[in-house]
PDB file of N, CA and C in Angstrom:
ATOM      1  N   MET A   1       0.841  -1.179   0.000  1.00  0.00           N
ATOM      2  CA  MET A   1       0.000   0.000   0.000  1.00  0.00           C
ATOM      3  C   MET A   1       0.886   1.243   0.000  1.00  0.00           C
ATOM      4  N   TYR A   2       0.572   2.175  -0.874  1.00  0.00           N
ATOM      5  CA  TYR A   2       1.283   3.442  -0.915  1.00  0.00           C
ATOM      6  C   TYR A   2       0.775   4.354   0.199  1.00  0.00           C
ATOM      7  N   ASP A   3       1.611   5.293   0.623  1.00  0.00           N
ATOM      8  CA  ASP A   3       1.164   6.269   1.616  1.00  0.00           C
ATOM      9  C   ASP A   3      -0.037   7.052   1.102  1.00  0.00           C
ATOM     10  N   SER A   4      -0.064   7.330  -0.201  1.00  0.00           N
ATOM     11  CA  SER A   4      -1.187   8.083  -0.767  1.00  0.00           C
ATOM     12  C   SER A   4      -2.502   7.327  -0.626  1.00  0.00           C
ATOM     13  N   ASP A   5      -2.439   5.990  -0.594  1.00  0.00           N
ATOM     14  CA  ASP A   5      -3.663   5.201  -0.426  1.00  0.00           C
ATOM     15  C   ASP A   5      -4.342   5.524   0.898  1.00  0.00           C
ATOM     16  N   ARG A   6      -3.557   5.737   1.935  1.00  0.00           N
ATOM     17  CA  ARG A   6      -4.138   6.075   3.242  1.00  0.00           C
ATOM     18  C   ARG A   6      -4.881   7.399   3.169  1.00  0.00           C
ATOM     19  N   GLY A   7      -4.273   8.373   2.512  1.00  0.00           N
ATOM     20  CA  GLY A   7      -4.918   9.677   2.364  1.00  0.00           C
ATOM     21  C   GLY A   7      -6.174   9.600   1.526  1.00  0.00           C
ATOM     22  N   ILE A   8      -6.123   8.805   0.479  1.00  0.00           N
ATOM     23  CA  ILE A   8      -7.292   8.635  -0.375  1.00  0.00           C
ATOM     24  C   ILE A   8      -8.419   7.960   0.397  1.00  0.00           C
ATOM     25  N   GLU A   9      -8.084   6.952   1.171  1.00  0.00           N
ATOM     26  CA  GLU A   9      -9.103   6.271   1.982  1.00  0.00           C
ATOM     27  C   GLU A   9      -9.706   7.227   3.014  1.00  0.00           C
ATOM     28  N   GLU A  10      -8.872   8.063   3.621  1.00  0.00           N
ATOM     29  CA  GLU A  10      -9.390   9.046   4.582  1.00  0.00           C
ATOM     30  C   GLU A  10     -10.337  10.023   3.896  1.00  0.00           C
ATOM     31  N   LEU A  11      -9.962  10.479   2.699  1.00  0.00           N
ATOM     32  CA  LEU A  11     -10.833  11.379   1.935  1.00  0.00           C
ATOM     33  C   LEU A  11     -12.174  10.725   1.664  1.00  0.00           C
ATOM     34  N   LEU A  12     -12.142   9.482   1.217  1.00  0.00           N
ATOM     35  CA  LEU A  12     -13.390   8.771   0.932  1.00  0.00           C
ATOM     36  C   LEU A  12     -14.256   8.620   2.176  1.00  0.00           C
ATOM     37  N   GLN A  13     -13.648   8.307   3.295  1.00  0.00           N
ATOM     38  CA  GLN A  13     -14.407   8.123   4.530  1.00  0.00           C
ATOM     39  C   GLN A  13     -14.984   9.444   5.041  1.00  0.00           C
ATOM     40  N   ARG A  14     -14.169  10.487   5.059  1.00  0.00           N
ATOM     41  CA  ARG A  14     -14.613  11.776   5.610  1.00  0.00           C
ATOM     42  C   ARG A  14     -15.618  12.484   4.716  1.00  0.00           C
ATOM     43  N   ARG A  15     -15.526  12.290   3.405  1.00  0.00           N
ATOM     44  CA  ARG A  15     -16.402  12.992   2.454  1.00  0.00           C
ATOM     45  C   ARG A  15     -17.444  12.068   1.822  1.00  0.00           C
ATOM     46  N   GLU A  16     -17.645  10.892   2.423  1.00  0.00           N
ATOM     47  CA  GLU A  16     -18.590   9.914   1.886  1.00  0.00           C
ATOM     48  C   GLU A  16     -19.970  10.543   1.716  1.00  0.00           C
ATOM     49  N   GLY A  17     -20.536  10.330   0.555  1.00  0.00           N
ATOM     50  CA  GLY A  17     -21.878  10.823   0.282  1.00  0.00           C
ATOM     51  C   GLY A  17     -21.943  12.275  -0.162  1.00  0.00           C
ATOM     52  N   GLU A  18     -20.821  12.984  -0.131  1.00  0.00           N
ATOM     53  CA  GLU A  18     -20.803  14.387  -0.545  1.00  0.00           C
ATOM     54  C   GLU A  18     -20.492  14.500  -2.027  1.00  0.00           C
ATOM     55  N   SER A  19     -20.999  15.553  -2.623  1.00  0.00           N
ATOM     56  CA  SER A  19     -20.594  15.937  -3.973  1.00  0.00           C
ATOM     57  C   SER A  19     -19.648  17.114  -3.830  1.00  0.00           C
ATOM     58  N   LEU A  20     -18.517  17.054  -4.512  1.00  0.00           N
ATOM     59  CA  LEU A  20     -17.529  18.112  -4.419  1.00  0.00           C
ATOM     60  C   LEU A  20     -17.465  18.871  -5.737  1.00  0.00           C
ATOM     61  N   ALA A  21     -17.513  20.177  -5.655  1.00  0.00           N
ATOM     62  CA  ALA A  21     -17.399  21.013  -6.847  1.00  0.00           C
ATOM     63  C   ALA A  21     -15.941  21.081  -7.288  1.00  0.00           C
ATOM     64  N   VAL A  22     -15.741  21.155  -8.578  1.00  0.00           N
ATOM     65  CA  VAL A  22     -14.392  21.280  -9.121  1.00  0.00           C
ATOM     66  C   VAL A  22     -13.723  22.533  -8.569  1.00  0.00           C
ATOM     67  N   GLU A  23     -14.489  23.598  -8.401  1.00  0.00           N
ATOM     68  CA  GLU A  23     -13.942  24.836  -7.862  1.00  0.00           C
ATOM     69  C   GLU A  23     -13.389  24.626  -6.461  1.00  0.00           C
ATOM     70  N   TRP A  24     -14.085  23.850  -5.645  1.00  0.00           N
ATOM     71  CA  TRP A  24     -13.629  23.573  -4.283  1.00  0.00           C
ATOM     72  C   TRP A  24     -12.326  22.782  -4.311  1.00  0.00           C
ATOM     73  N   VAL A  25     -12.277  21.763  -5.158  1.00  0.00           N
ATOM     74  CA  VAL A  25     -11.062  20.937  -5.272  1.00  0.00           C
ATOM     75  C   VAL A  25      -9.892  21.796  -5.732  1.00  0.00           C
ATOM     76  N   ALA A  26     -10.111  22.631  -6.733  1.00  0.00           N
ATOM     77  CA  ALA A  26      -9.047  23.495  -7.246  1.00  0.00           C
ATOM     78  C   ALA A  26      -8.539  24.438  -6.160  1.00  0.00           C
ATOM     79  N   GLU A  27      -9.444  25.007  -5.384  1.00  0.00           N
ATOM     80  CA  GLU A  27      -9.027  25.918  -4.311  1.00  0.00           C
ATOM     81  C   GLU A  27      -8.239  25.179  -3.226  1.00  0.00           C
ATOM     82  N   GLN A  28      -8.644  23.966  -2.913  1.00  0.00           N
ATOM     83  CA  GLN A  28      -7.911  23.169  -1.932  1.00  0.00           C
ATOM     84  C   GLN A  28      -6.505  22.849  -2.438  1.00  0.00           C
ATOM     85  N   MET A  29      -6.396  22.569  -3.733  1.00  0.00           N
ATOM     86  CA  MET A  29      -5.081  22.280  -4.320  1.00  0.00           C
ATOM     87  C   MET A  29      -4.187  23.522  -4.263  1.00  0.00           C
ATOM     88  N   ARG A  30      -4.769  24.689  -4.551  1.00  0.00           N
ATOM     89  CA  ARG A  30      -3.990  25.937  -4.462  1.00  0.00           C
ATOM     90  C   ARG A  30      -3.518  26.188  -3.036  1.00  0.00           C
ATOM     91  N   THR A  31      -4.410  25.992  -2.092  1.00  0.00           N
ATOM     92  CA  THR A  31      -4.055  26.188  -0.689  1.00  0.00           C
ATOM     93  C   THR A  31      -2.938  25.235  -0.281  1.00  0.00           C
ATOM     94  N   PHE A  32      -3.021  23.979  -0.708  1.00  0.00           N
ATOM     95  CA  PHE A  32      -1.990  22.996  -0.398  1.00  0.00           C
ATOM     96  C   PHE A  32      -0.635  23.435  -0.940  1.00  0.00           C
ATOM     97  N   VAL A  33      -0.618  23.911  -2.191  1.00  0.00           N
ATOM     98  CA  VAL A  33       0.647  24.353  -2.791  1.00  0.00           C
ATOM     99  C   VAL A  33       1.191  25.582  -2.057  1.00  0.00           C
ATOM    100  N   ASP A  34       0.309  26.465  -1.609  1.00  0.00           N
ATOM    101  CA  ASP A  34       0.765  27.616  -0.823  1.00  0.00           C
ATOM    102  C   ASP A  34       1.447  27.154   0.461  1.00  0.00           C
ATOM    103  N   LEU A  35       0.899  26.128   1.082  1.00  0.00           N
ATOM    104  CA  LEU A  35       1.459  25.609   2.336  1.00  0.00           C
ATOM    105  C   LEU A  35       2.692  24.738   2.111  1.00  0.00           C
ATOM    106  N   TYR A  36       2.713  24.005   1.007  1.00  0.00           N
ATOM    107  CA  TYR A  36       3.782  23.052   0.710  1.00  0.00           C
ATOM    108  C   TYR A  36       4.285  23.258  -0.726  1.00  0.00           C
ATOM    109  N   PRO A  37       5.026  24.341  -0.962  1.00  0.00           N
ATOM    110  CA  PRO A  37       5.446  24.657  -2.328  1.00  0.00           C
ATOM    111  C   PRO A  37       6.316  23.582  -2.980  1.00  0.00           C
ATOM    112  N   ASN A  38       6.970  22.750  -2.199  1.00  0.00           N
ATOM    113  CA  ASN A  38       7.781  21.667  -2.786  1.00  0.00           C
ATOM    114  C   ASN A  38       6.927  20.639  -3.521  1.00  0.00           C
ATOM    115  N   TRP A  39       5.645  20.633  -3.264  1.00  0.00           N
ATOM    116  CA  TRP A  39       4.734  19.683  -3.896  1.00  0.00           C
ATOM    117  C   TRP A  39       4.038  20.274  -5.130  1.00  0.00           C
ATOM    118  N   GLU A  40       4.444  21.476  -5.537  1.00  0.00           N
ATOM    119  CA  GLU A  40       3.787  22.154  -6.655  1.00  0.00           C
ATOM    120  C   GLU A  40       3.759  21.292  -7.916  1.00  0.00           C
ATOM    121  N   ASP A  41       4.864  20.653  -8.249  1.00  0.00           N
ATOM    122  CA  ASP A  41       4.927  19.832  -9.462  1.00  0.00           C
ATOM    123  C   ASP A  41       3.944  18.662  -9.392  1.00  0.00           C
ATOM    124  N   ALA A  42       3.912  17.987  -8.254  1.00  0.00           N
ATOM    125  CA  ALA A  42       2.997  16.837  -8.109  1.00  0.00           C
ATOM    126  C   ALA A  42       1.537  17.272  -8.209  1.00  0.00           C
ATOM    127  N   ILE A  43       1.202  18.390  -7.593  1.00  0.00           N
ATOM    128  CA  ILE A  43      -0.177  18.879  -7.639  1.00  0.00           C
ATOM    129  C   ILE A  43      -0.527  19.305  -9.066  1.00  0.00           C
ATOM    130  N   GLY A  44       0.410  19.948  -9.748  1.00  0.00           N
ATOM    131  CA  GLY A  44       0.182  20.317 -11.145  1.00  0.00           C
ATOM    132  C   GLY A  44      -0.045  19.102 -12.024  1.00  0.00           C
ATOM    133  N   ARG A  45       0.736  18.059 -11.787  1.00  0.00           N
ATOM    134  CA  ARG A  45       0.556  16.816 -12.559  1.00  0.00           C
ATOM    135  C   ARG A  45      -0.792  16.173 -12.267  1.00  0.00           C
ATOM    136  N   LEU A  46      -1.187  16.164 -10.999  1.00  0.00           N
ATOM    137  CA  LEU A  46      -2.494  15.607 -10.637  1.00  0.00           C
ATOM    138  C   LEU A  46      -3.620  16.403 -11.291  1.00  0.00           C
ATOM    139  N   ALA A  47      -3.525  17.728 -11.239  1.00  0.00           N
ATOM    140  CA  ALA A  47      -4.555  18.571 -11.849  1.00  0.00           C
ATOM    141  C   ALA A  47      -4.654  18.305 -13.348  1.00  0.00           C
ATOM    142  N   ALA A  48      -3.507  18.211 -14.032  1.00  0.00           N
ATOM    143  CA  ALA A  48      -3.516  17.932 -15.471  1.00  0.00           C
ATOM    144  C   ALA A  48      -4.100  16.550 -15.749  1.00  0.00           C
ATOM    145  N   PHE A  49      -3.759  15.566 -14.923  1.00  0.00           N
ATOM    146  CA  PHE A  49      -4.290  14.221 -15.085  1.00  0.00           C
ATOM    147  C   PHE A  49      -5.816  14.227 -14.948  1.00  0.00           C
ATOM    148  N   LEU A  50      -6.321  14.904 -13.931  1.00  0.00           N
ATOM    149  CA  LEU A  50      -7.767  14.966 -13.721  1.00  0.00           C
ATOM    150  C   LEU A  50      -8.468  15.726 -14.843  1.00  0.00           C
ATOM    151  N   ALA A  51      -7.833  16.787 -15.336  1.00  0.00           N
ATOM    152  CA  ALA A  51      -8.431  17.577 -16.407  1.00  0.00           C
ATOM    153  C   ALA A  51      -8.541  16.779 -17.707  1.00  0.00           C
ATOM    154  N   ARG A  52      -7.605  15.891 -17.932  1.00  0.00           N
ATOM    155  CA  ARG A  52      -7.551  15.150 -19.196  1.00  0.00           C
ATOM    156  C   ARG A  52      -8.118  13.750 -19.103  1.00  0.00           C
ATOM    157  N   GLU A  53      -8.698  13.389 -17.998  1.00  0.00           N
ATOM    158  CA  GLU A  53      -9.147  12.020 -17.769  1.00  0.00           C
ATOM    159  C   GLU A  53     -10.054  11.492 -18.873  1.00  0.00           C
ATOM    160  N   ASP A  54     -10.916  12.350 -19.402  1.00  0.00           N
ATOM    161  CA  ASP A  54     -11.867  11.909 -20.413  1.00  0.00           C
ATOM    162  C   ASP A  54     -11.328  11.995 -21.833  1.00  0.00           C
ATOM    163  N   ASP A  55     -10.106  12.515 -22.001  1.00  0.00           N
ATOM    164  CA  ASP A  55      -9.515  12.612 -23.341  1.00  0.00           C
ATOM    165  C   ASP A  55      -9.238  11.228 -23.895  1.00  0.00           C
ATOM    166  N   ASP A  56      -9.434  11.076 -25.178  1.00  0.00           N
ATOM    167  CA  ASP A  56      -9.147   9.800 -25.827  1.00  0.00           C
ATOM    168  C   ASP A  56      -7.694   9.670 -26.226  1.00  0.00           C
ATOM    169  N   SER A  57      -6.917  10.746 -26.121  1.00  0.00           N
ATOM    170  CA  SER A  57      -5.508  10.708 -26.544  1.00  0.00           C
ATOM    171  C   SER A  57      -4.599  10.156 -25.490  1.00  0.00           C
TER     172      SER A  57
END
């Protein structure tokens, strides 16, 4: 199990049954990068991955 799996499981448990707006997720990602600038690249990659998830390319 990756460390990220624990965080993902916590997110699922704490936010179970909720609908999250993309705007809320984006703001949380910005806040995270403000607090932890060393993670900027990883957050940018995650955002790009999520944005392109439905692309056929």
